[in-house]
Amino acid sequence: MKKLKLNSKSILAVLFCAVLVFFLGTITERIFRYSFLGQTPDTVASETAEGDSDQKDEDNPYLRQFPFKNGDEPAVSAPEKTESKVENTENNIFAFIRSKMDYLKINTSFYTEKLLFARMNFLDLNAKYNKAIGMKMFEDANSSVITLLDGNLAMRPYKSEISGSAENVAEFAKKLKTNGADFLYVQAPSKVDPQNNLLPSGLEDYDNQAADEMLAALRKNDVDCLDIRQLLHEQNISYTDAFFRTDHHWTIDTAFWASGEIVKHIEKNTDIQIDSSKFNIDDFTRKVYKGISLGSLGKIVTASYAEPEDFMTIIPDFETDFRYHDFYDGSERTGSFEKALMNTDILKEKDLYNVSTYSAYMYTWSDLVSVENKLSQNDTSVLIIGDSFRNSVVPFLSLGFKNVYSMATTFSGSINTFIEEYKPDMVIILVYPPVISSFSNGIK
């Protein structure tokens, strides 16, 4: 038998074949995962989405239930009437090509990034290196994460255009008052303390600049406002303790406290009836789930950079009876506070990268839900418009009112039509600074 001689060319050929086989193997493994586990570009992307909703525009149930009236429809750019058939055909062709390019981009990212073999191992290795060199900023496809000087993770502040937001909110409040409803603007905080800036050197505190400008303009227009940032300082509550370390949201403890402060403000400044006896923390049970939570920011930098943290639930000890209704799909849940308004099942097993523990309250990021308190001592109804900060507040506020309606700033139906139909006694806007600009185009 002739002896096989190995030279540099044959070694390179063997290595090339090995790499090719490995590459084809990883592709096969990804296709198997896609088919067997049912993972798709949409489902994988939604695991880390932090928006209020990923609900589609097609066959929009909100628009069917709450259509725009009296010319309030959002402005839509219509094609020019003089457009020729040739131009129209070309536009359709380009639109088709763009849609196919977008599809290709999403699926390429899905197979090469999200389904990469041992993806989390590579990310963890990268995180350990970043931690070793003291890196303070991380870029993701959807956001930039920074490490504050107290060690907490935060989203990098960006300057946003808020012109028109205050005027539109003030006009909205005036219209509500004319129709006999009260209004309150609640400024939720971001993770940057305006009186103790812990941003890394070189970054501007755009969040608190936007909040200060918004509040000043609203108060100038005699709009009732509640600044949670001010209350945090008045009551010596540390920003470090008020937020999750690995997430941009406030903790459930802070959300409960904020709910009580909102109730106090309403009682002091309006004639709204509230069952305020339901906000004594001594009548609730706290339960701590150790090391089970890795927030949206922690998921980006991985657990090798940011250690998982505890998650605490606060549940009433007294009798409760609620009905939760989702306007998107009509689904309902009834029963106690824990059964109707919480999903504690996600807290039973530690799943750092596929579970958002913050969604243990209110289940989903639905754009419109209602919560009926069947044991309420009053008939007061409240509409809360806001970002995801509202999700941990609505369950507690529901203890003091007959009905609480929770609406996202991304709601695609007509807010005015909803208000005309359900006639809430009060409307509350609750947002944190980066979302203020969402009112720049009006409230319709």
Protein backbone atom coordinates (compact mmCIF):
# COMPACT_ATOMS: atom_id res chain seq x y z
CA MET A 1 0.00 0.00 0.00
CA LYS A 2 1.25 3.41 -1.00
CA LYS A 3 1.95 5.70 1.94
CA LEU A 4 -0.07 8.91 2.03
CA LYS A 5 2.23 11.92 2.02
CA LEU A 6 1.01 15.01 3.79
CA ASN A 7 2.16 18.34 2.52
CA SER A 8 0.95 21.88 3.16
CA LYS A 9 -1.60 21.75 0.33
CA SER A 10 -3.18 18.51 1.53
CA ILE A 11 -3.31 19.79 5.12
CA LEU A 12 -5.06 22.96 3.96
CA ALA A 13 -7.49 20.86 1.91
CA VAL A 14 -8.33 18.71 4.94
CA LEU A 15 -8.84 21.78 7.12
CA PHE A 16 -11.02 23.39 4.47
CA CYS A 17 -13.16 20.25 4.24
CA ALA A 18 -13.46 20.07 8.03
CA VAL A 19 -14.59 23.71 8.22
CA LEU A 20 -17.06 23.11 5.38
CA VAL A 21 -18.50 20.03 7.08
CA PHE A 22 -18.79 21.93 10.39
CA PHE A 23 -20.51 24.84 8.63
CA LEU A 24 -22.97 22.55 6.85
CA GLY A 25 -23.56 20.72 10.13
CA THR A 26 -24.45 23.93 11.97
CA ILE A 27 -26.83 24.90 9.14
CA THR A 28 -28.50 21.47 9.39
CA GLU A 29 -28.74 21.84 13.16
CA ARG A 30 -30.38 25.28 12.80
CA ILE A 31 -32.89 23.99 10.25
CA PHE A 32 -33.70 21.12 12.60
CA ARG A 33 -34.27 23.57 15.46
CA TYR A 34 -36.41 25.73 13.21
CA SER A 35 -38.58 22.77 12.15
CA PHE A 36 -38.66 20.72 15.36
CA LEU A 37 -38.91 23.54 17.93
CA GLY A 38 -41.07 25.78 15.79
CA GLN A 39 -38.75 28.74 16.17
CA THR A 40 -39.25 31.49 13.61
CA PRO A 41 -37.68 34.91 13.07
CA ASP A 42 -40.75 36.47 14.71
CA THR A 43 -40.77 34.25 17.82
CA VAL A 44 -37.04 34.60 18.46
CA ALA A 45 -37.14 38.37 18.02
CA SER A 46 -40.06 38.69 20.43
CA GLU A 47 -38.06 37.09 23.25
CA THR A 48 -36.01 40.24 23.67
CA ALA A 49 -38.52 42.83 22.44
CA GLU A 50 -39.11 45.59 24.95
CA GLY A 51 -41.81 47.47 23.10
CA ASP A 52 -45.34 47.58 24.42
CA SER A 53 -46.71 45.46 21.66
CA ASP A 54 -45.74 43.33 18.69
CA GLN A 55 -49.32 43.12 17.46
CA LYS A 56 -49.76 43.40 13.70
CA ASP A 57 -51.64 46.08 11.78
CA GLU A 58 -53.40 43.64 9.48
CA ASP A 59 -57.05 43.15 10.38
CA ASN A 60 -56.57 45.50 13.33
CA PRO A 61 -59.23 44.70 15.99
CA TYR A 62 -58.60 48.02 17.77
CA LEU A 63 -59.43 49.96 14.62
CA ARG A 64 -62.60 47.92 14.13
CA GLN A 65 -63.75 48.50 17.71
CA PHE A 66 -62.61 52.12 18.01
CA PRO A 67 -62.55 53.74 14.56
CA PHE A 68 -61.41 57.31 13.97
CA LYS A 69 -64.20 59.87 13.54
CA ASN A 70 -64.66 63.48 12.49
CA GLY A 71 -61.49 63.65 10.42
CA ASP A 72 -59.27 62.53 13.32
CA GLU A 73 -57.56 59.84 11.25
CA PRO A 74 -53.74 59.95 11.40
CA ALA A 75 -52.23 61.65 8.38
CA VAL A 76 -51.42 59.19 5.60
CA SER A 77 -49.43 60.23 2.57
CA ALA A 78 -51.60 59.54 -0.49
CA PRO A 79 -50.18 58.99 -3.98
CA GLU A 80 -50.36 61.89 -6.40
CA LYS A 81 -53.47 61.81 -8.61
CA THR A 82 -51.32 62.60 -11.65
CA GLU A 83 -49.23 59.48 -11.20
CA SER A 84 -49.10 57.52 -14.45
CA LYS A 85 -49.71 53.82 -14.82
CA VAL A 86 -46.03 53.32 -15.64
CA GLU A 87 -44.94 55.17 -12.48
CA ASN A 88 -47.47 53.27 -10.44
CA THR A 89 -46.18 49.96 -11.82
CA GLU A 90 -42.58 50.96 -11.07
CA ASN A 91 -43.51 51.91 -7.49
CA ASN A 92 -45.20 48.54 -7.02
CA ILE A 93 -42.14 46.76 -8.36
CA PHE A 94 -39.81 48.68 -6.05
CA ALA A 95 -42.14 48.04 -3.08
CA PHE A 96 -42.11 44.33 -3.93
CA ILE A 97 -38.31 44.29 -4.15
CA ARG A 98 -38.00 46.16 -0.81
CA SER A 99 -40.34 43.70 0.89
CA LYS A 100 -38.31 40.76 -0.40
CA MET A 101 -35.07 42.42 0.70
CA ASP A 102 -36.51 42.99 4.19
CA TYR A 103 -37.63 39.36 4.32
CA LEU A 104 -34.17 38.19 3.27
CA LYS A 105 -32.53 40.46 5.85
CA ILE A 106 -34.71 39.15 8.69
CA ASN A 107 -34.25 35.50 7.77
CA THR A 108 -30.50 35.87 7.20
CA SER A 109 -30.16 37.43 10.65
CA PHE A 110 -32.36 34.69 12.09
CA TYR A 111 -30.30 31.78 10.77
CA THR A 112 -26.83 33.31 11.10
CA GLU A 113 -27.27 35.07 14.45
CA LYS A 114 -30.27 33.89 16.49
CA LEU A 115 -29.82 30.21 15.63
CA LEU A 116 -26.02 30.22 15.67
CA PHE A 117 -24.62 27.02 17.15
CA ALA A 118 -23.57 27.64 20.80
CA ARG A 119 -24.60 31.30 20.40
CA MET A 120 -24.95 31.96 24.13
CA ASN A 121 -21.54 30.43 24.79
CA PHE A 122 -19.96 32.89 22.36
CA LEU A 123 -21.91 35.78 23.90
CA ASP A 124 -20.88 34.74 27.42
CA LEU A 125 -17.23 34.52 26.37
CA ASN A 126 -17.46 37.98 24.83
CA ALA A 127 -19.13 39.32 27.99
CA LYS A 128 -16.35 37.96 30.20
CA TYR A 129 -13.78 39.70 28.01
CA ASN A 130 -15.74 42.98 28.14
CA LYS A 131 -16.00 42.73 31.91
CA ALA A 132 -12.27 42.05 32.23
CA ILE A 133 -11.34 45.18 30.26
CA GLY A 134 -13.88 47.32 32.14
CA MET A 135 -16.15 48.04 29.19
CA LYS A 136 -19.09 50.35 30.07
CA MET A 137 -21.11 50.50 26.84
CA PHE A 138 -22.66 47.77 24.70
CA GLU A 139 -24.37 48.04 21.33
CA ASP A 140 -27.33 45.89 20.37
CA ALA A 141 -29.42 45.87 17.19
CA ASN A 142 -32.21 47.70 19.03
CA SER A 143 -30.53 49.66 21.82
CA SER A 144 -27.33 50.71 23.56
CA VAL A 145 -26.67 49.54 27.10
CA ILE A 146 -24.45 51.41 29.53
CA THR A 147 -23.15 50.65 33.01
CA LEU A 148 -23.89 53.43 35.51
CA LEU A 149 -21.34 54.34 38.16
CA ASP A 150 -23.34 52.39 40.76
CA GLY A 151 -23.00 49.22 38.64
CA ASN A 152 -26.61 49.18 37.42
CA LEU A 153 -27.34 48.75 33.73
CA ALA A 154 -29.30 51.43 31.87
CA MET A 155 -30.26 52.37 28.35
CA ARG A 156 -28.08 55.07 26.86
CA PRO A 157 -29.99 58.39 26.86
CA TYR A 158 -30.61 59.88 23.42
CA LYS A 159 -31.88 63.35 22.64
CA SER A 160 -35.46 63.10 21.39
CA GLU A 161 -37.67 65.64 19.69
CA ILE A 162 -40.53 66.43 22.08
CA SER A 163 -41.77 69.63 20.49
CA GLY A 164 -45.56 69.58 20.38
CA SER A 165 -45.92 66.88 23.05
CA ALA A 166 -46.82 69.26 25.89
CA GLU A 167 -49.22 71.25 23.71
CA ASN A 168 -50.98 68.09 22.54
CA VAL A 169 -51.27 66.67 26.06
CA ALA A 170 -52.54 70.03 27.37
CA GLU A 171 -55.15 70.19 24.60
CA PHE A 172 -56.19 66.61 25.41
CA ALA A 173 -56.54 67.45 29.12
CA LYS A 174 -58.62 70.54 28.32
CA LYS A 175 -60.97 68.50 26.13
CA LEU A 176 -61.41 65.91 28.90
CA LYS A 177 -62.21 68.63 31.43
CA THR A 178 -64.85 70.08 29.09
CA ASN A 179 -66.46 66.63 28.96
CA GLY A 180 -66.39 66.26 32.76
CA ALA A 181 -63.38 63.95 33.18
CA ASP A 182 -60.29 64.59 35.31
CA PHE A 183 -56.75 64.31 33.98
CA LEU A 184 -53.33 63.63 35.53
CA TYR A 185 -49.91 63.47 33.90
CA VAL A 186 -47.50 61.20 35.84
CA GLN A 187 -43.80 61.48 35.05
CA ALA A 188 -42.15 58.14 35.72
CA PRO A 189 -38.36 58.28 36.19
CA SER A 190 -35.60 56.87 34.06
CA LYS A 191 -32.65 55.18 35.79
CA VAL A 192 -30.58 58.38 35.76
CA ASP A 193 -31.04 60.34 38.99
CA PRO A 194 -31.42 64.05 38.07
CA GLN A 195 -29.80 65.07 41.38
CA ASN A 196 -27.04 62.45 41.38
CA ASN A 197 -25.90 61.84 37.81
CA LEU A 198 -24.17 58.46 37.61
CA LEU A 199 -23.77 58.39 33.83
CA PRO A 200 -20.33 57.40 32.50
CA SER A 201 -18.14 60.34 31.55
CA GLY A 202 -19.05 61.98 28.26
CA LEU A 203 -22.77 61.12 28.19
CA GLU A 204 -25.52 63.74 28.47
CA ASP A 205 -28.62 63.30 30.66
CA TYR A 206 -31.17 63.83 27.88
CA ASP A 207 -33.90 61.88 29.72
CA ASN A 208 -34.28 64.30 32.60
CA GLN A 209 -33.92 67.29 30.28
CA ALA A 210 -36.94 66.03 28.34
CA ALA A 211 -38.92 65.36 31.53
CA ASP A 212 -38.15 68.82 32.96
CA GLU A 213 -39.18 70.53 29.72
CA MET A 214 -42.41 68.51 29.50
CA LEU A 215 -43.45 69.20 33.10
CA ALA A 216 -42.64 72.91 32.87
CA ALA A 217 -44.72 73.29 29.70
CA LEU A 218 -47.66 71.31 31.09
CA ARG A 219 -47.76 73.26 34.36
CA LYS A 220 -47.64 76.49 32.37
CA ASN A 221 -50.87 75.26 30.75
CA ASP A 222 -52.42 74.43 34.17
CA VAL A 223 -52.23 70.65 33.61
CA ASP A 224 -52.21 68.59 36.81
CA CYS A 225 -48.85 66.78 37.08
CA LEU A 226 -47.21 64.33 39.46
CA ASP A 227 -43.42 64.04 39.25
CA ILE A 228 -42.37 60.66 40.67
CA ARG A 229 -38.73 61.77 40.48
CA GLN A 230 -39.41 64.54 42.99
CA LEU A 231 -41.20 62.13 45.35
CA LEU A 232 -38.27 59.71 45.23
CA HIS A 233 -36.00 62.46 46.55
CA GLU A 234 -38.47 63.82 49.09
CA GLN A 235 -38.80 60.34 50.60
CA ASN A 236 -35.08 59.51 50.30
CA ILE A 237 -35.62 56.54 48.01
CA SER A 238 -32.42 55.59 46.21
CA TYR A 239 -32.54 55.25 42.43
CA THR A 240 -30.17 52.30 42.79
CA ASP A 241 -32.78 50.49 44.87
CA ALA A 242 -35.84 51.74 42.96
CA PHE A 243 -34.96 49.93 39.72
CA PHE A 244 -33.97 46.44 38.69
CA ARG A 245 -30.19 46.23 38.24
CA THR A 246 -30.43 44.52 34.86
CA ASP A 247 -33.59 46.14 33.49
CA HIS A 248 -34.84 49.66 32.72
CA HIS A 249 -38.07 49.15 34.69
CA TRP A 250 -38.73 50.06 38.29
CA THR A 251 -39.08 47.17 40.76
CA ILE A 252 -42.46 45.83 41.84
CA ASP A 253 -41.85 47.39 45.26
CA THR A 254 -41.38 50.79 43.61
CA ALA A 255 -44.44 50.26 41.39
CA PHE A 256 -46.58 49.52 44.47
CA TRP A 257 -45.26 52.64 46.22
CA ALA A 258 -45.87 54.76 43.10
CA SER A 259 -49.44 53.43 42.86
CA GLY A 260 -50.06 54.60 46.42
CA GLU A 261 -48.63 58.05 45.64
CA ILE A 262 -50.88 58.35 42.59
CA VAL A 263 -53.90 57.48 44.73
CA LYS A 264 -52.92 60.08 47.36
CA HIS A 265 -52.55 62.74 44.68
CA ILE A 266 -55.95 61.94 43.15
CA GLU A 267 -57.66 62.02 46.56
CA LYS A 268 -56.08 65.38 47.36
CA ASN A 269 -56.75 67.10 44.04
CA THR A 270 -60.03 65.67 42.74
CA ASP A 271 -63.44 64.46 43.90
CA ILE A 272 -62.75 60.98 42.50
CA GLN A 273 -63.83 58.16 44.80
CA ILE A 274 -61.11 55.66 45.68
CA ASP A 275 -60.96 52.73 48.05
CA SER A 276 -57.62 53.90 49.50
CA SER A 277 -57.70 51.38 52.37
CA LYS A 278 -56.39 48.78 49.89
CA PHE A 279 -52.91 50.34 49.68
CA ASN A 280 -51.44 49.42 53.07
CA ILE A 281 -48.33 47.31 52.43
CA ASP A 282 -48.90 45.48 55.73
CA ASP A 283 -51.91 43.82 54.08
CA PHE A 284 -49.77 42.25 51.36
CA THR A 285 -47.39 39.31 51.21
CA ARG A 286 -43.97 39.72 49.65
CA LYS A 287 -42.37 36.69 48.04
CA VAL A 288 -38.79 36.73 46.79
CA TYR A 289 -37.60 34.51 43.94
CA LYS A 290 -33.83 34.31 44.32
CA GLY A 291 -31.56 34.90 41.32
CA ILE A 292 -34.30 34.20 38.81
CA SER A 293 -34.34 37.46 36.86
CA LEU A 294 -32.20 38.82 34.04
CA GLY A 295 -33.76 42.00 32.67
CA SER A 296 -33.90 43.21 29.08
CA LEU A 297 -30.54 44.94 29.46
CA GLY A 298 -28.99 41.97 31.22
CA LYS A 299 -30.06 39.73 28.34
CA ILE A 300 -28.05 41.93 25.97
CA VAL A 301 -24.82 41.84 27.99
CA THR A 302 -25.49 38.26 29.24
CA ALA A 303 -25.26 36.75 32.72
CA SER A 304 -21.49 36.57 32.46
CA TYR A 305 -21.36 40.35 32.68
CA ALA A 306 -24.42 41.09 34.84
CA GLU A 307 -25.36 38.67 37.58
CA PRO A 308 -29.02 37.55 37.68
CA GLU A 309 -31.06 39.27 40.37
CA ASP A 310 -33.98 38.50 42.67
CA PHE A 311 -37.58 39.12 41.65
CA MET A 312 -40.19 39.96 44.27
CA THR A 313 -43.96 39.67 44.00
CA ILE A 314 -46.44 41.62 46.14
CA ILE A 315 -49.84 39.94 46.52
CA PRO A 316 -52.86 41.04 48.64
CA ASP A 317 -53.69 39.02 51.74
CA PHE A 318 -57.32 40.16 51.62
CA GLU A 319 -60.09 38.80 49.39
CA THR A 320 -60.03 39.95 45.77
CA ASP A 321 -62.10 39.20 42.68
CA PHE A 322 -61.19 40.55 39.24
CA ARG A 323 -62.10 40.18 35.57
CA TYR A 324 -59.29 40.80 33.09
CA HIS A 325 -60.29 41.42 29.45
CA ASP A 326 -57.92 41.73 26.47
CA PHE A 327 -59.48 43.85 23.70
CA TYR A 328 -57.11 42.44 21.08
CA ASP A 329 -58.30 38.84 21.10
CA GLY A 330 -61.23 38.96 23.52
CA SER A 331 -59.57 36.62 26.03
CA GLU A 332 -60.54 36.88 29.68
CA ARG A 333 -59.35 35.70 33.07
CA THR A 334 -61.29 35.89 36.30
CA GLY A 335 -60.58 35.26 39.95
CA SER A 336 -58.25 36.55 42.64
CA PHE A 337 -55.54 39.18 42.14
CA GLU A 338 -52.93 36.47 41.57
CA LYS A 339 -55.10 34.36 39.26
CA ALA A 340 -56.55 37.14 37.09
CA LEU A 341 -53.73 39.71 36.98
CA MET A 342 -50.54 37.69 37.37
CA ASN A 343 -48.63 34.89 35.68
CA THR A 344 -46.56 33.34 38.44
CA ASP A 345 -45.95 30.22 36.36
CA ILE A 346 -43.04 31.95 34.63
CA LEU A 347 -41.34 32.35 38.01
CA LYS A 348 -41.32 28.65 38.84
CA GLU A 349 -38.34 27.78 36.66
CA LYS A 350 -35.17 29.79 36.04
CA ASP A 351 -35.05 30.74 32.35
CA LEU A 352 -32.88 33.84 32.12
CA TYR A 353 -32.91 34.42 28.38
CA ASN A 354 -36.41 33.41 27.30
CA VAL A 355 -38.54 34.84 30.11
CA SER A 356 -39.24 38.42 31.18
CA THR A 357 -40.05 38.21 34.87
CA TYR A 358 -41.46 41.77 34.71
CA SER A 359 -44.38 40.34 32.72
CA ALA A 360 -45.46 38.32 35.75
CA TYR A 361 -47.82 41.26 36.23
CA MET A 362 -50.46 41.77 33.50
CA TYR A 363 -49.19 38.83 31.42
CA THR A 364 -48.60 40.51 28.06
CA TRP A 365 -47.71 43.77 26.32
CA SER A 366 -51.28 44.11 24.98
CA ASP A 367 -52.17 47.60 23.78
CA LEU A 368 -55.57 47.67 25.49
CA VAL A 369 -56.93 45.66 28.42
CA SER A 370 -59.53 46.30 31.09
CA VAL A 371 -59.53 45.21 34.73
CA GLU A 372 -62.84 45.09 36.60
CA ASN A 373 -62.74 44.98 40.39
CA LYS A 374 -65.87 43.02 41.31
CA LEU A 375 -65.50 43.89 45.01
CA SER A 376 -65.00 47.63 44.51
CA GLN A 377 -66.74 49.99 46.92
CA ASN A 378 -67.16 52.62 44.16
CA ASP A 379 -68.12 52.87 40.48
CA THR A 380 -65.10 54.93 39.42
CA SER A 381 -63.36 54.08 36.15
CA VAL A 382 -59.87 55.19 35.10
CA LEU A 383 -58.02 55.04 31.78
CA ILE A 384 -54.23 54.82 32.01
CA ILE A 385 -52.27 55.61 28.84
CA GLY A 386 -48.58 54.80 29.00
CA ASP A 387 -45.56 52.64 28.30
CA SER A 388 -44.59 49.36 29.97
CA PHE A 389 -44.05 51.11 33.32
CA ARG A 390 -47.85 51.11 33.66
CA ASN A 391 -48.00 47.29 33.56
CA SER A 392 -46.80 46.89 37.14
CA VAL A 393 -48.95 49.81 38.36
CA VAL A 394 -52.33 48.87 36.87
CA PRO A 395 -52.87 45.74 39.04
CA PHE A 396 -52.37 47.73 42.25
CA LEU A 397 -54.46 50.71 41.11
CA SER A 398 -57.22 48.25 40.23
CA LEU A 399 -57.62 47.56 43.95
CA GLY A 400 -59.02 51.09 44.45
CA PHE A 401 -61.33 51.48 41.44
CA LYS A 402 -64.25 49.70 39.80
CA ASN A 403 -62.64 49.66 36.35
CA VAL A 404 -59.12 50.39 35.16
CA TYR A 405 -58.42 50.49 31.42
CA SER A 406 -54.77 50.11 30.42
CA MET A 407 -53.79 51.52 27.02
CA ALA A 408 -50.33 51.61 25.40
CA THR A 409 -48.99 54.74 23.73
CA THR A 410 -48.75 52.53 20.62
CA PHE A 411 -52.53 51.96 20.58
CA SER A 412 -53.62 52.03 16.94
CA GLY A 413 -57.32 52.71 17.37
CA SER A 414 -58.98 56.03 18.23
CA ILE A 415 -58.43 57.11 21.83
CA ASN A 416 -61.26 59.64 21.48
CA THR A 417 -63.68 56.95 20.30
CA PHE A 418 -62.72 54.74 23.25
CA ILE A 419 -63.30 57.60 25.70
CA GLU A 420 -66.67 58.44 24.12
CA GLU A 421 -67.79 54.85 24.50
CA TYR A 422 -66.42 53.96 27.95
CA LYS A 423 -66.56 57.43 29.55
CA PRO A 424 -63.79 57.07 32.16
CA ASP A 425 -64.03 59.39 35.17
CA MET A 426 -60.32 60.08 34.89
CA VAL A 427 -57.51 59.69 32.38
CA ILE A 428 -53.89 59.26 33.51
CA ILE A 429 -50.87 59.46 31.25
CA LEU A 430 -47.91 57.63 32.81
CA VAL A 431 -44.66 57.50 30.83
CA TYR A 432 -40.94 57.56 31.44
CA PRO A 433 -38.80 60.17 29.61
CA PRO A 434 -37.86 58.36 26.36
CA VAL A 435 -41.57 57.92 25.53
CA ILE A 436 -42.59 61.59 25.92
CA SER A 437 -42.01 62.20 22.20
CA SER A 438 -44.79 59.71 21.33
CA PHE A 439 -47.30 62.53 21.90
CA SER A 440 -45.67 64.85 19.37
CA ASN A 441 -48.18 63.89 16.69
CA GLY A 442 -51.25 64.43 18.85
CA ILE A 443 -53.68 62.29 20.84
CA LYS A 444 -56.60 61.20 18.66
